Amino acid sequence: MRRLIAQLARFGIVGAVGFVVDFAVFNLLRATVFSPDEVHSGPFWAKVVSTVVAIFVNWMGNRYWTFRHQRRSVAAKEGLEFVVVSLGGMVISLGCLAVSHYALGYTSALADNISGNVIGLVLGTAFRFWLYKAWVYHPDRVQQESDRVDGDVPAQQDRGAQQDRGVQQDQGARQSHDA
């Protein structure tokens, strides 16, 4: 239980850093290149870009700190799974933003931030933590991968040793035949 609490705290700190990145990039983009005055779907695209940037920041923090004891040796596979889960969280956040901005007509910067960066973030965070813990960084998956990697090494070493013994036997047979 203590380890889970510590892990939740680290996840929260990484998430807070990701939130600051997401919030800053979203508001910068919404106020400039994705302004709703210039681009009708600007807030939506600002949220997509800010979330993608935050996903990368969060993956690095979670891989190397929150779940450091459970990270897998194949970073590309882990990263892909992390992105899939994170995109699910992004869909939740975008759904909240879309309902507020487009369906309900709350189009102010404050409303966009509350729907996308507060409500969407809370719901998306619960979804992401559960799937990171249950799928991406699950201890059994880490152990299985470790066993596969460890199992391959001795098998290769055994094959090498068998080949060496075969060469030695051939050389011994040649020497006794030559004598």
Foldseek 3Di string as FASTA:
>chain_A
DVLVVVLVVLLVVLVVVLLVQLVVQLVVQCVPVLPCVVPVCSSLVSNVVSLVVSLVSSCVSCCCPSLVVQAAPPVVVLSVQSVVLSVVLSVQLSVQLCCQCPVVPPPDPVSSCCRRSPVSSVVSSVSSVVCCCVPSRPNVVRVVNVCVVVVVVVVVVVVVVVVVVVVVVVVVVVVVVVD
